[in-house]
Amino acid sequence: MTEPAKPKIIFVYNADSGVFNLLSDIAHKMFSPQTYACNLCALTHSNFGMKKEWKEYLDSLENPLEFLHADEFTGKYKSEKVNLPAIFIEENGALKPVAVADQINESKSIGDLKSIINNKLRRA
């Protein structure tokens, strides 16, 4: 008998998609990091892309992954009104929170994010 498919983990950044927004976000992180609105991005990405520690962690997960910006998330999940950033598990079309904005914004390191995700996956 085959194992059931692992639920998808959805990471939602508190930033909109697009080149202009990307350049604006990079500048904001460089010149005023303490006021940057997306701690998920701030912790997991440098100005040049995804941090190695985060990429290695994501590669170790057996779950499918999806990464969405705020505008992409609201376009795909129209009924969902949540504070961002957020991380969800999608099972049978339903979103279940893994980490809400307060938890992510209180995180100080990639290790903190990994602990939140690992604890939730163990319980799932």
PDB file of N, CA and C in Angstrom:
ATOM      1  N   MET A   1       0.837  -1.175   0.000  1.00  0.00           N
ATOM      2  CA  MET A   1       0.000   0.000   0.000  1.00  0.00           C
ATOM      3  C   MET A   1       0.884   1.242   0.000  1.00  0.00           C
ATOM      4  N   THR A   2       0.527   2.226  -0.803  1.00  0.00           N
ATOM      5  CA  THR A   2       1.337   3.439  -0.881  1.00  0.00           C
ATOM      6  C   THR A   2       0.931   4.421   0.219  1.00  0.00           C
ATOM      7  N   GLU A   3       1.920   5.188   0.635  1.00  0.00           N
ATOM      8  CA  GLU A   3       1.669   6.212   1.653  1.00  0.00           C
ATOM      9  C   GLU A   3       0.870   7.345   1.044  1.00  0.00           C
ATOM     10  N   PRO A   4       0.009   7.986   1.853  1.00  0.00           N
ATOM     11  CA  PRO A   4      -0.710   9.142   1.320  1.00  0.00           C
ATOM     12  C   PRO A   4       0.270  10.272   0.987  1.00  0.00           C
ATOM     13  N   ALA A   5      -0.104  11.092   0.026  1.00  0.00           N
ATOM     14  CA  ALA A   5       0.761  12.206  -0.365  1.00  0.00           C
ATOM     15  C   ALA A   5       0.950  13.165   0.807  1.00  0.00           C
ATOM     16  N   LYS A   6       2.135  13.701   0.892  1.00  0.00           N
ATOM     17  CA  LYS A   6       2.432  14.693   1.931  1.00  0.00           C
ATOM     18  C   LYS A   6       1.693  15.988   1.595  1.00  0.00           C
ATOM     19  N   PRO A   7       1.193  16.688   2.612  1.00  0.00           N
ATOM     20  CA  PRO A   7       0.502  17.954   2.340  1.00  0.00           C
ATOM     21  C   PRO A   7       1.477  19.014   1.834  1.00  0.00           C
ATOM     22  N   LYS A   8       0.963  19.895   0.996  1.00  0.00           N
ATOM     23  CA  LYS A   8       1.773  20.980   0.455  1.00  0.00           C
ATOM     24  C   LYS A   8       1.962  22.052   1.519  1.00  0.00           C
ATOM     25  N   ILE A   9       3.184  22.589   1.605  1.00  0.00           N
ATOM     26  CA  ILE A   9       3.473  23.709   2.491  1.00  0.00           C
ATOM     27  C   ILE A   9       3.510  24.966   1.616  1.00  0.00           C
ATOM     28  N   ILE A  10       2.734  25.977   2.026  1.00  0.00           N
ATOM     29  CA  ILE A  10       2.636  27.217   1.258  1.00  0.00           C
ATOM     30  C   ILE A  10       3.235  28.347   2.089  1.00  0.00           C
ATOM     31  N   PHE A  11       4.231  29.002   1.524  1.00  0.00           N
ATOM     32  CA  PHE A  11       4.893  30.141   2.149  1.00  0.00           C
ATOM     33  C   PHE A  11       4.369  31.401   1.468  1.00  0.00           C
ATOM     34  N   VAL A  12       3.833  32.332   2.263  1.00  0.00           N
ATOM     35  CA  VAL A  12       3.255  33.546   1.694  1.00  0.00           C
ATOM     36  C   VAL A  12       4.006  34.753   2.254  1.00  0.00           C
ATOM     37  N   TYR A  13       4.637  35.491   1.347  1.00  0.00           N
ATOM     38  CA  TYR A  13       5.414  36.665   1.722  1.00  0.00           C
ATOM     39  C   TYR A  13       4.514  37.894   1.819  1.00  0.00           C
ATOM     40  N   ASN A  14       4.848  38.798   2.694  1.00  0.00           N
ATOM     41  CA  ASN A  14       4.118  40.058   2.841  1.00  0.00           C
ATOM     42  C   ASN A  14       4.733  41.088   1.893  1.00  0.00           C
ATOM     43  N   ALA A  15       4.711  40.757   0.630  1.00  0.00           N
ATOM     44  CA  ALA A  15       5.243  41.617  -0.432  1.00  0.00           C
ATOM     45  C   ALA A  15       4.537  41.208  -1.720  1.00  0.00           C
ATOM     46  N   ASP A  16       4.387  42.148  -2.625  1.00  0.00           N
ATOM     47  CA  ASP A  16       3.762  41.838  -3.899  1.00  0.00           C
ATOM     48  C   ASP A  16       4.800  41.394  -4.917  1.00  0.00           C
ATOM     49  N   SER A  17       4.339  40.685  -5.940  1.00  0.00           N
ATOM     50  CA  SER A  17       5.223  40.184  -6.994  1.00  0.00           C
ATOM     51  C   SER A  17       5.541  41.299  -7.983  1.00  0.00           C
ATOM     52  N   GLY A  18       6.495  41.040  -8.842  1.00  0.00           N
ATOM     53  CA  GLY A  18       6.843  41.978  -9.908  1.00  0.00           C
ATOM     54  C   GLY A  18       8.236  42.556  -9.726  1.00  0.00           C
ATOM     55  N   VAL A  19       8.822  42.968 -10.834  1.00  0.00           N
ATOM     56  CA  VAL A  19      10.196  43.479 -10.838  1.00  0.00           C
ATOM     57  C   VAL A  19      10.317  44.754 -10.010  1.00  0.00           C
ATOM     58  N   PHE A  20       9.392  45.685 -10.189  1.00  0.00           N
ATOM     59  CA  PHE A  20       9.465  46.930  -9.427  1.00  0.00           C
ATOM     60  C   PHE A  20       9.404  46.657  -7.930  1.00  0.00           C
ATOM     61  N   ASN A  21       8.493  45.782  -7.521  1.00  0.00           N
ATOM     62  CA  ASN A  21       8.368  45.443  -6.099  1.00  0.00           C
ATOM     63  C   ASN A  21       9.617  44.752  -5.584  1.00  0.00           C
ATOM     64  N   LEU A  22      10.211  43.887  -6.404  1.00  0.00           N
ATOM     65  CA  LEU A  22      11.450  43.212  -6.011  1.00  0.00           C
ATOM     66  C   LEU A  22      12.562  44.225  -5.757  1.00  0.00           C
ATOM     67  N   LEU A  23      12.740  45.151  -6.681  1.00  0.00           N
ATOM     68  CA  LEU A  23      13.793  46.162  -6.523  1.00  0.00           C
ATOM     69  C   LEU A  23      13.518  47.057  -5.320  1.00  0.00           C
ATOM     70  N   SER A  24      12.270  47.408  -5.120  1.00  0.00           N
ATOM     71  CA  SER A  24      11.886  48.221  -3.972  1.00  0.00           C
ATOM     72  C   SER A  24      12.155  47.478  -2.666  1.00  0.00           C
ATOM     73  N   ASP A  25      11.826  46.178  -2.637  1.00  0.00           N
ATOM     74  CA  ASP A  25      12.068  45.364  -1.439  1.00  0.00           C
ATOM     75  C   ASP A  25      13.554  45.254  -1.128  1.00  0.00           C
ATOM     76  N   ILE A  26      14.370  45.059  -2.149  1.00  0.00           N
ATOM     77  CA  ILE A  26      15.825  44.959  -1.942  1.00  0.00           C
ATOM     78  C   ILE A  26      16.349  46.256  -1.336  1.00  0.00           C
ATOM     79  N   ALA A  27      15.934  47.377  -1.900  1.00  0.00           N
ATOM     80  CA  ALA A  27      16.379  48.671  -1.381  1.00  0.00           C
ATOM     81  C   ALA A  27      15.915  48.865   0.057  1.00  0.00           C
ATOM     82  N   HIS A  28      14.679  48.501   0.338  1.00  0.00           N
ATOM     83  CA  HIS A  28      14.142  48.657   1.689  1.00  0.00           C
ATOM     84  C   HIS A  28      14.937  47.808   2.683  1.00  0.00           C
ATOM     85  N   LYS A  29      15.220  46.559   2.307  1.00  0.00           N
ATOM     86  CA  LYS A  29      15.992  45.680   3.207  1.00  0.00           C
ATOM     87  C   LYS A  29      17.397  46.224   3.445  1.00  0.00           C
ATOM     88  N   MET A  30      17.971  46.861   2.420  1.00  0.00           N
ATOM     89  CA  MET A  30      19.331  47.373   2.553  1.00  0.00           C
ATOM     90  C   MET A  30      19.393  48.637   3.410  1.00  0.00           C
ATOM     91  N   PHE A  31      18.459  49.554   3.168  1.00  0.00           N
ATOM     92  CA  PHE A  31      18.567  50.871   3.785  1.00  0.00           C
ATOM     93  C   PHE A  31      17.744  51.047   5.056  1.00  0.00           C
ATOM     94  N   SER A  32      16.740  50.212   5.238  1.00  0.00           N
ATOM     95  CA  SER A  32      15.896  50.331   6.434  1.00  0.00           C
ATOM     96  C   SER A  32      15.359  48.959   6.841  1.00  0.00           C
ATOM     97  N   PRO A  33      16.257  48.020   7.143  1.00  0.00           N
ATOM     98  CA  PRO A  33      15.816  46.653   7.423  1.00  0.00           C
ATOM     99  C   PRO A  33      14.885  46.530   8.627  1.00  0.00           C
ATOM    100  N   GLN A  34      15.010  47.415   9.601  1.00  0.00           N
ATOM    101  CA  GLN A  34      14.174  47.321  10.796  1.00  0.00           C
ATOM    102  C   GLN A  34      12.708  47.627  10.499  1.00  0.00           C
ATOM    103  N   THR A  35      12.403  48.263   9.376  1.00  0.00           N
ATOM    104  CA  THR A  35      11.009  48.579   9.039  1.00  0.00           C
ATOM    105  C   THR A  35      10.499  47.741   7.864  1.00  0.00           C
ATOM    106  N   TYR A  36      11.265  46.751   7.443  1.00  0.00           N
ATOM    107  CA  TYR A  36      10.834  45.911   6.330  1.00  0.00           C
ATOM    108  C   TYR A  36       9.641  45.062   6.757  1.00  0.00           C
ATOM    109  N   ALA A  37       8.598  45.002   5.927  1.00  0.00           N
ATOM    110  CA  ALA A  37       7.307  44.416   6.314  1.00  0.00           C
ATOM    111  C   ALA A  37       7.252  42.893   6.281  1.00  0.00           C
ATOM    112  N   CYS A  38       8.249  42.232   5.699  1.00  0.00           N
ATOM    113  CA  CYS A  38       8.162  40.779   5.578  1.00  0.00           C
ATOM    114  C   CYS A  38       9.353  40.098   6.253  1.00  0.00           C
ATOM    115  N   ASN A  39       9.123  39.656   7.494  1.00  0.00           N
ATOM    116  CA  ASN A  39      10.194  38.981   8.218  1.00  0.00           C
ATOM    117  C   ASN A  39      10.501  37.609   7.622  1.00  0.00           C
ATOM    118  N   LEU A  40       9.538  36.975   6.974  1.00  0.00           N
ATOM    119  CA  LEU A  40       9.801  35.698   6.313  1.00  0.00           C
ATOM    120  C   LEU A  40      10.869  35.885   5.237  1.00  0.00           C
ATOM    121  N   CYS A  41      10.731  36.913   4.455  1.00  0.00           N
ATOM    122  CA  CYS A  41      11.718  37.209   3.421  1.00  0.00           C
ATOM    123  C   CYS A  41      13.042  37.671   4.043  1.00  0.00           C
ATOM    124  N   ALA A  42      12.944  38.544   5.023  1.00  0.00           N
ATOM    125  CA  ALA A  42      14.155  39.083   5.654  1.00  0.00           C
ATOM    126  C   ALA A  42      15.022  37.979   6.260  1.00  0.00           C
ATOM    127  N   LEU A  43      14.383  36.980   6.870  1.00  0.00           N
ATOM    128  CA  LEU A  43      15.136  35.896   7.499  1.00  0.00           C
ATOM    129  C   LEU A  43      15.695  34.892   6.492  1.00  0.00           C
ATOM    130  N   THR A  44      14.958  34.648   5.420  1.00  0.00           N
ATOM    131  CA  THR A  44      15.302  33.535   4.526  1.00  0.00           C
ATOM    132  C   THR A  44      16.019  33.937   3.256  1.00  0.00           C
ATOM    133  N   HIS A  45      16.051  35.234   2.953  1.00  0.00           N
ATOM    134  CA  HIS A  45      16.677  35.698   1.713  1.00  0.00           C
ATOM    135  C   HIS A  45      17.667  36.827   1.994  1.00  0.00           C
ATOM    136  N   SER A  46      18.741  36.822   1.257  1.00  0.00           N
ATOM    137  CA  SER A  46      19.651  37.964   1.251  1.00  0.00           C
ATOM    138  C   SER A  46      19.240  38.840   0.071  1.00  0.00           C
ATOM    139  N   ASN A  47      19.989  39.865  -0.194  1.00  0.00           N
ATOM    140  CA  ASN A  47      19.698  40.704  -1.363  1.00  0.00           C
ATOM    141  C   ASN A  47      19.981  39.972  -2.670  1.00  0.00           C
ATOM    142  N   PHE A  48      20.618  38.826  -2.583  1.00  0.00           N
ATOM    143  CA  PHE A  48      21.027  38.103  -3.787  1.00  0.00           C
ATOM    144  C   PHE A  48      20.312  36.773  -3.966  1.00  0.00           C
ATOM    145  N   GLY A  49      19.333  36.487  -3.120  1.00  0.00           N
ATOM    146  CA  GLY A  49      18.577  35.246  -3.268  1.00  0.00           C
ATOM    147  C   GLY A  49      18.409  34.519  -1.944  1.00  0.00           C
ATOM    148  N   MET A  50      17.927  33.286  -2.063  1.00  0.00           N
ATOM    149  CA  MET A  50      17.647  32.471  -0.889  1.00  0.00           C
ATOM    150  C   MET A  50      18.938  32.098  -0.159  1.00  0.00           C
ATOM    151  N   LYS A  51      18.895  32.188   1.163  1.00  0.00           N
ATOM    152  CA  LYS A  51      20.056  31.825   1.974  1.00  0.00           C
ATOM    153  C   LYS A  51      20.271  30.314   1.922  1.00  0.00           C
ATOM    154  N   LYS A  52      21.530  29.925   1.940  1.00  0.00           N
ATOM    155  CA  LYS A  52      21.909  28.513   1.802  1.00  0.00           C
ATOM    156  C   LYS A  52      21.274  27.646   2.887  1.00  0.00           C
ATOM    157  N   GLU A  53      21.297  28.089   4.130  1.00  0.00           N
ATOM    158  CA  GLU A  53      20.728  27.302   5.236  1.00  0.00           C
ATOM    159  C   GLU A  53      19.236  27.035   4.996  1.00  0.00           C
ATOM    160  N   TRP A  54      18.515  28.036   4.512  1.00  0.00           N
ATOM    161  CA  TRP A  54      17.089  27.889   4.253  1.00  0.00           C
ATOM    162  C   TRP A  54      16.848  26.956   3.079  1.00  0.00           C
ATOM    163  N   LYS A  55      17.616  27.106   2.016  1.00  0.00           N
ATOM    164  CA  LYS A  55      17.476  26.244   0.841  1.00  0.00           C
ATOM    165  C   LYS A  55      17.730  24.791   1.215  1.00  0.00           C
ATOM    166  N   GLU A  56      18.763  24.537   1.996  1.00  0.00           N
ATOM    167  CA  GLU A  56      19.067  23.165   2.418  1.00  0.00           C
ATOM    168  C   GLU A  56      17.937  22.595   3.262  1.00  0.00           C
ATOM    169  N   TYR A  57      17.366  23.418   4.129  1.00  0.00           N
ATOM    170  CA  TYR A  57      16.241  22.954   4.940  1.00  0.00           C
ATOM    171  C   TYR A  57      15.047  22.606   4.057  1.00  0.00           C
ATOM    172  N   LEU A  58      14.700  23.493   3.145  1.00  0.00           N
ATOM    173  CA  LEU A  58      13.567  23.240   2.251  1.00  0.00           C
ATOM    174  C   LEU A  58      13.795  21.981   1.421  1.00  0.00           C
ATOM    175  N   ASP A  59      15.024  21.794   0.945  1.00  0.00           N
ATOM    176  CA  ASP A  59      15.355  20.598   0.161  1.00  0.00           C
ATOM    177  C   ASP A  59      15.210  19.328   0.986  1.00  0.00           C
ATOM    178  N   SER A  60      15.333  19.437   2.306  1.00  0.00           N
ATOM    179  CA  SER A  60      15.229  18.257   3.173  1.00  0.00           C
ATOM    180  C   SER A  60      13.774  17.855   3.457  1.00  0.00           C
ATOM    181  N   LEU A  61      12.864  18.753   3.215  1.00  0.00           N
ATOM    182  CA  LEU A  61      11.450  18.455   3.470  1.00  0.00           C
ATOM    183  C   LEU A  61      10.914  17.520   2.394  1.00  0.00           C
ATOM    184  N   GLU A  62      10.030  16.631   2.797  1.00  0.00           N
ATOM    185  CA  GLU A  62       9.444  15.686   1.855  1.00  0.00           C
ATOM    186  C   GLU A  62       8.133  16.209   1.277  1.00  0.00           C
ATOM    187  N   ASN A  63       7.707  17.356   1.727  1.00  0.00           N
ATOM    188  CA  ASN A  63       6.445  17.940   1.287  1.00  0.00           C
ATOM    189  C   ASN A  63       6.643  18.756   0.013  1.00  0.00           C
ATOM    190  N   PRO A  64       5.621  18.806  -0.835  1.00  0.00           N
ATOM    191  CA  PRO A  64       5.675  19.769  -1.937  1.00  0.00           C
ATOM    192  C   PRO A  64       5.620  21.179  -1.352  1.00  0.00           C
ATOM    193  N   LEU A  65       6.258  22.128  -2.020  1.00  0.00           N
ATOM    194  CA  LEU A  65       6.346  23.497  -1.527  1.00  0.00           C
ATOM    195  C   LEU A  65       5.786  24.467  -2.560  1.00  0.00           C
ATOM    196  N   GLU A  66       5.184  25.544  -2.075  1.00  0.00           N
ATOM    197  CA  GLU A  66       4.712  26.611  -2.944  1.00  0.00           C
ATOM    198  C   GLU A  66       5.050  27.930  -2.276  1.00  0.00           C
ATOM    199  N   PHE A  67       5.519  28.887  -3.073  1.00  0.00           N
ATOM    200  CA  PHE A  67       5.903  30.200  -2.579  1.00  0.00           C
ATOM    201  C   PHE A  67       5.063  31.245  -3.297  1.00  0.00           C
ATOM    202  N   LEU A  68       4.348  32.064  -2.523  1.00  0.00           N
ATOM    203  CA  LEU A  68       3.463  33.063  -3.102  1.00  0.00           C
ATOM    204  C   LEU A  68       3.724  34.429  -2.485  1.00  0.00           C
ATOM    205  N   HIS A  69       3.580  35.461  -3.302  1.00  0.00           N
ATOM    206  CA  HIS A  69       3.569  36.825  -2.797  1.00  0.00           C
ATOM    207  C   HIS A  69       2.138  37.165  -2.392  1.00  0.00           C
ATOM    208  N   ALA A  70       1.957  38.246  -1.675  1.00  0.00           N
ATOM    209  CA  ALA A  70       0.638  38.625  -1.159  1.00  0.00           C
ATOM    210  C   ALA A  70      -0.407  38.715  -2.269  1.00  0.00           C
ATOM    211  N   ASP A  71      -0.072  39.374  -3.380  1.00  0.00           N
ATOM    212  CA  ASP A  71      -1.039  39.522  -4.462  1.00  0.00           C
ATOM    213  C   ASP A  71      -1.362  38.183  -5.126  1.00  0.00           C
ATOM    214  N   GLU A  72      -0.392  37.307  -5.217  1.00  0.00           N
ATOM    215  CA  GLU A  72      -0.626  35.974  -5.791  1.00  0.00           C
ATOM    216  C   GLU A  72      -1.514  35.136  -4.872  1.00  0.00           C
ATOM    217  N   PHE A  73      -1.272  35.240  -3.572  1.00  0.00           N
ATOM    218  CA  PHE A  73      -2.058  34.493  -2.596  1.00  0.00           C
ATOM    219  C   PHE A  73      -3.524  34.918  -2.627  1.00  0.00           C
ATOM    220  N   THR A  74      -3.758  36.232  -2.596  1.00  0.00           N
ATOM    221  CA  THR A  74      -5.148  36.691  -2.593  1.00  0.00           C
ATOM    222  C   THR A  74      -5.835  36.369  -3.921  1.00  0.00           C
ATOM    223  N   GLY A  75      -5.080  36.317  -5.006  1.00  0.00           N
ATOM    224  CA  GLY A  75      -5.662  35.925  -6.285  1.00  0.00           C
ATOM    225  C   GLY A  75      -6.050  34.458  -6.328  1.00  0.00           C
ATOM    226  N   LYS A  76      -5.267  33.624  -5.682  1.00  0.00           N
ATOM    227  CA  LYS A  76      -5.510  32.177  -5.700  1.00  0.00           C
ATOM    228  C   LYS A  76      -6.505  31.746  -4.619  1.00  0.00           C
ATOM    229  N   TYR A  77      -6.418  32.362  -3.453  1.00  0.00           N
ATOM    230  CA  TYR A  77      -7.274  32.004  -2.316  1.00  0.00           C
ATOM    231  C   TYR A  77      -8.132  33.214  -1.946  1.00  0.00           C
ATOM    232  N   LYS A  78      -9.063  33.542  -2.796  1.00  0.00           N
ATOM    233  CA  LYS A  78      -9.851  34.768  -2.667  1.00  0.00           C
ATOM    234  C   LYS A  78     -10.567  34.912  -1.328  1.00  0.00           C
ATOM    235  N   SER A  79     -10.975  33.823  -0.738  1.00  0.00           N
ATOM    236  CA  SER A  79     -11.732  33.916   0.510  1.00  0.00           C
ATOM    237  C   SER A  79     -10.837  34.035   1.740  1.00  0.00           C
ATOM    238  N   GLU A  80      -9.557  33.871   1.568  1.00  0.00           N
ATOM    239  CA  GLU A  80      -8.646  33.899   2.713  1.00  0.00           C
ATOM    240  C   GLU A  80      -8.241  35.331   3.056  1.00  0.00           C
ATOM    241  N   LYS A  81      -8.552  35.772   4.256  1.00  0.00           N
ATOM    242  CA  LYS A  81      -8.141  37.077   4.773  1.00  0.00           C
ATOM    243  C   LYS A  81      -7.240  36.819   5.970  1.00  0.00           C
ATOM    244  N   VAL A  82      -5.945  36.958   5.753  1.00  0.00           N
ATOM    245  CA  VAL A  82      -4.989  36.681   6.821  1.00  0.00           C
ATOM    246  C   VAL A  82      -3.921  37.766   6.850  1.00  0.00           C
ATOM    247  N   ASN A  83      -3.334  37.935   8.020  1.00  0.00           N
ATOM    248  CA  ASN A  83      -2.179  38.816   8.133  1.00  0.00           C
ATOM    249  C   ASN A  83      -0.971  38.072   7.592  1.00  0.00           C
ATOM    250  N   LEU A  84      -0.141  38.790   6.879  1.00  0.00           N
ATOM    251  CA  LEU A  84       1.046  38.182   6.273  1.00  0.00           C
ATOM    252  C   LEU A  84       2.296  38.773   6.875  1.00  0.00           C
ATOM    253  N   PRO A  85       3.385  38.030   6.845  1.00  0.00           N
ATOM    254  CA  PRO A  85       3.627  36.744   6.195  1.00  0.00           C
ATOM    255  C   PRO A  85       2.960  35.601   6.949  1.00  0.00           C
ATOM    256  N   ALA A  86       2.827  34.478   6.261  1.00  0.00           N
ATOM    257  CA  ALA A  86       2.219  33.290   6.870  1.00  0.00           C
ATOM    258  C   ALA A  86       2.726  32.042   6.164  1.00  0.00           C
ATOM    259  N   ILE A  87       2.602  30.922   6.859  1.00  0.00           N
ATOM    260  CA  ILE A  87       2.940  29.616   6.286  1.00  0.00           C
ATOM    261  C   ILE A  87       1.749  28.705   6.553  1.00  0.00           C
ATOM    262  N   PHE A  88       1.334  27.965   5.519  1.00  0.00           N
ATOM    263  CA  PHE A  88       0.177  27.088   5.616  1.00  0.00           C
ATOM    264  C   PHE A  88       0.525  25.680   5.159  1.00  0.00           C
ATOM    265  N   ILE A  89      -0.295  24.732   5.584  1.00  0.00           N
ATOM    266  CA  ILE A  89      -0.329  23.392   5.000  1.00  0.00           C
ATOM    267  C   ILE A  89      -1.655  23.312   4.262  1.00  0.00           C
ATOM    268  N   GLU A  90      -1.602  22.825   3.026  1.00  0.00           N
ATOM    269  CA  GLU A  90      -2.826  22.631   2.258  1.00  0.00           C
ATOM    270  C   GLU A  90      -3.122  21.144   2.188  1.00  0.00           C
ATOM    271  N   GLU A  91      -4.258  20.776   2.750  1.00  0.00           N
ATOM    272  CA  GLU A  91      -4.717  19.392   2.715  1.00  0.00           C
ATOM    273  C   GLU A  91      -6.148  19.363   2.214  1.00  0.00           C
ATOM    274  N   ASN A  92      -6.370  18.563   1.189  1.00  0.00           N
ATOM    275  CA  ASN A  92      -7.718  18.415   0.621  1.00  0.00           C
ATOM    276  C   ASN A  92      -8.345  19.770   0.296  1.00  0.00           C
ATOM    277  N   GLY A  93      -7.538  20.690  -0.212  1.00  0.00           N
ATOM    278  CA  GLY A  93      -8.037  22.001  -0.611  1.00  0.00           C
ATOM    279  C   GLY A  93      -8.223  22.999   0.514  1.00  0.00           C
ATOM    280  N   ALA A  94      -8.005  22.583   1.759  1.00  0.00           N
ATOM    281  CA  ALA A  94      -8.167  23.481   2.911  1.00  0.00           C
ATOM    282  C   ALA A  94      -6.806  23.939   3.415  1.00  0.00           C
ATOM    283  N   LEU A  95      -6.726  25.209   3.797  1.00  0.00           N
ATOM    284  CA  LEU A  95      -5.490  25.753   4.347  1.00  0.00           C
ATOM    285  C   LEU A  95      -5.525  25.688   5.864  1.00  0.00           C
ATOM    286  N   LYS A  96      -4.443  25.168   6.422  1.00  0.00           N
ATOM    287  CA  LYS A  96      -4.293  25.120   7.880  1.00  0.00           C
ATOM    288  C   LYS A  96      -3.024  25.891   8.229  1.00  0.00           C
ATOM    289  N   PRO A  97      -3.101  26.836   9.168  1.00  0.00           N
ATOM    290  CA  PRO A  97      -1.910  27.627   9.490  1.00  0.00           C
ATOM    291  C   PRO A  97      -0.818  26.794  10.152  1.00  0.00           C
ATOM    292  N   VAL A  98       0.393  27.015   9.691  1.00  0.00           N
ATOM    293  CA  VAL A  98       1.590  26.456  10.318  1.00  0.00           C
ATOM    294  C   VAL A  98       2.216  27.541  11.180  1.00  0.00           C
ATOM    295  N   ALA A  99       2.326  28.730  10.601  1.00  0.00           N
ATOM    296  CA  ALA A  99       2.882  29.880  11.314  1.00  0.00           C
ATOM    297  C   ALA A  99       2.132  31.127  10.862  1.00  0.00           C
ATOM    298  N   VAL A 100       1.617  31.865  11.817  1.00  0.00           N
ATOM    299  CA  VAL A 100       0.907  33.106  11.512  1.00  0.00           C
ATOM    300  C   VAL A 100       1.894  34.273  11.592  1.00  0.00           C
ATOM    301  N   ALA A 101       1.422  35.435  11.164  1.00  0.00           N
ATOM    302  CA  ALA A 101       2.293  36.607  11.065  1.00  0.00           C
ATOM    303  C   ALA A 101       3.023  36.905  12.375  1.00  0.00           C
ATOM    304  N   ASP A 102       2.317  36.854  13.508  1.00  0.00           N
ATOM    305  CA  ASP A 102       2.969  37.168  14.786  1.00  0.00           C
ATOM    306  C   ASP A 102       4.135  36.232  15.075  1.00  0.00           C
ATOM    307  N   GLN A 103       3.945  34.931  14.819  1.00  0.00           N
ATOM    308  CA  GLN A 103       5.024  33.966  15.069  1.00  0.00           C
ATOM    309  C   GLN A 103       6.220  34.234  14.162  1.00  0.00           C
ATOM    310  N   ILE A 104       5.953  34.484  12.897  1.00  0.00           N
ATOM    311  CA  ILE A 104       7.043  34.735  11.943  1.00  0.00           C
ATOM    312  C   ILE A 104       7.743  36.039  12.289  1.00  0.00           C
ATOM    313  N   ASN A 105       6.979  37.063  12.620  1.00  0.00           N
ATOM    314  CA  ASN A 105       7.581  38.365  12.924  1.00  0.00           C
ATOM    315  C   ASN A 105       8.378  38.349  14.225  1.00  0.00           C
ATOM    316  N   GLU A 106       8.043  37.436  15.128  1.00  0.00           N
ATOM    317  CA  GLU A 106       8.810  37.300  16.374  1.00  0.00           C
ATOM    318  C   GLU A 106      10.055  36.435  16.199  1.00  0.00           C
ATOM    319  N   SER A 107      10.136  35.699  15.106  1.00  0.00           N
ATOM    320  CA  SER A 107      11.286  34.833  14.848  1.00  0.00           C
ATOM    321  C   SER A 107      12.528  35.680  14.601  1.00  0.00           C
ATOM    322  N   LYS A 108      13.627  35.211  15.140  1.00  0.00           N
ATOM    323  CA  LYS A 108      14.890  35.943  15.014  1.00  0.00           C
ATOM    324  C   LYS A 108      15.882  35.257  14.080  1.00  0.00           C
ATOM    325  N   SER A 109      15.554  34.016  13.677  1.00  0.00           N
ATOM    326  CA  SER A 109      16.512  33.270  12.860  1.00  0.00           C
ATOM    327  C   SER A 109      15.798  32.217  12.020  1.00  0.00           C
ATOM    328  N   ILE A 110      16.531  31.670  11.078  1.00  0.00           N
ATOM    329  CA  ILE A 110      16.025  30.552  10.292  1.00  0.00           C
ATOM    330  C   ILE A 110      15.740  29.375  11.224  1.00  0.00           C
ATOM    331  N   GLY A 111      16.555  29.199  12.236  1.00  0.00           N
ATOM    332  CA  GLY A 111      16.337  28.128  13.208  1.00  0.00           C
ATOM    333  C   GLY A 111      14.977  28.235  13.874  1.00  0.00           C
ATOM    334  N   ASP A 112      14.562  29.460  14.194  1.00  0.00           N
ATOM    335  CA  ASP A 112      13.232  29.659  14.784  1.00  0.00           C
ATOM    336  C   ASP A 112      12.142  29.202  13.819  1.00  0.00           C
ATOM    337  N   LEU A 113      12.257  29.577  12.552  1.00  0.00           N
ATOM    338  CA  LEU A 113      11.267  29.169  11.546  1.00  0.00           C
ATOM    339  C   LEU A 113      11.247  27.656  11.376  1.00  0.00           C
ATOM    340  N   LYS A 114      12.422  27.061  11.328  1.00  0.00           N
ATOM    341  CA  LYS A 114      12.505  25.609  11.175  1.00  0.00           C
ATOM    342  C   LYS A 114      11.824  24.908  12.348  1.00  0.00           C
ATOM    343  N   SER A 115      12.014  25.397  13.555  1.00  0.00           N
ATOM    344  CA  SER A 115      11.380  24.790  14.739  1.00  0.00           C
ATOM    345  C   SER A 115       9.863  24.869  14.649  1.00  0.00           C
ATOM    346  N   ILE A 116       9.344  26.021  14.249  1.00  0.00           N
ATOM    347  CA  ILE A 116       7.893  26.184  14.113  1.00  0.00           C
ATOM    348  C   ILE A 116       7.348  25.175  13.098  1.00  0.00           C
ATOM    349  N   ILE A 117       7.992  25.099  11.946  1.00  0.00           N
ATOM    350  CA  ILE A 117       7.520  24.204  10.882  1.00  0.00           C
ATOM    351  C   ILE A 117       7.644  22.750  11.310  1.00  0.00           C
ATOM    352  N   ASN A 118       8.789  22.379  11.850  1.00  0.00           N
ATOM    353  CA  ASN A 118       9.004  20.987  12.265  1.00  0.00           C
ATOM    354  C   ASN A 118       8.002  20.553  13.327  1.00  0.00           C
ATOM    355  N   ASN A 119       7.723  21.426  14.296  1.00  0.00           N
ATOM    356  CA  ASN A 119       6.751  21.085  15.335  1.00  0.00           C
ATOM    357  C   ASN A 119       5.367  20.867  14.744  1.00  0.00           C
ATOM    358  N   LYS A 120       4.973  21.701  13.809  1.00  0.00           N
ATOM    359  CA  LYS A 120       3.656  21.578  13.193  1.00  0.00           C
ATOM    360  C   LYS A 120       3.589  20.316  12.320  1.00  0.00           C
ATOM    361  N   LEU A 121       4.654  20.008  11.587  1.00  0.00           N
ATOM    362  CA  LEU A 121       4.665  18.812  10.730  1.00  0.00           C
ATOM    363  C   LEU A 121       4.610  17.540  11.562  1.00  0.00           C
ATOM    364  N   ARG A 122       5.250  17.550  12.724  1.00  0.00           N
ATOM    365  CA  ARG A 122       5.210  16.369  13.602  1.00  0.00           C
ATOM    366  C   ARG A 122       3.800  16.097  14.086  1.00  0.00           C
ATOM    367  N   ARG A 123       3.039  17.172  14.328  1.00  0.00           N
ATOM    368  CA  ARG A 123       1.680  17.039  14.812  1.00  0.00           C
ATOM    369  C   ARG A 123       0.685  16.719  13.697  1.00  0.00           C
ATOM    370  N   ALA A 124       1.075  17.007  12.461  1.00  0.00           N
ATOM    371  CA  ALA A 124       0.139  16.801  11.333  1.00  0.00           C
ATOM    372  C   ALA A 124       0.027  15.326  10.966  1.00  0.00           C
TER     373      ALA A 124
END
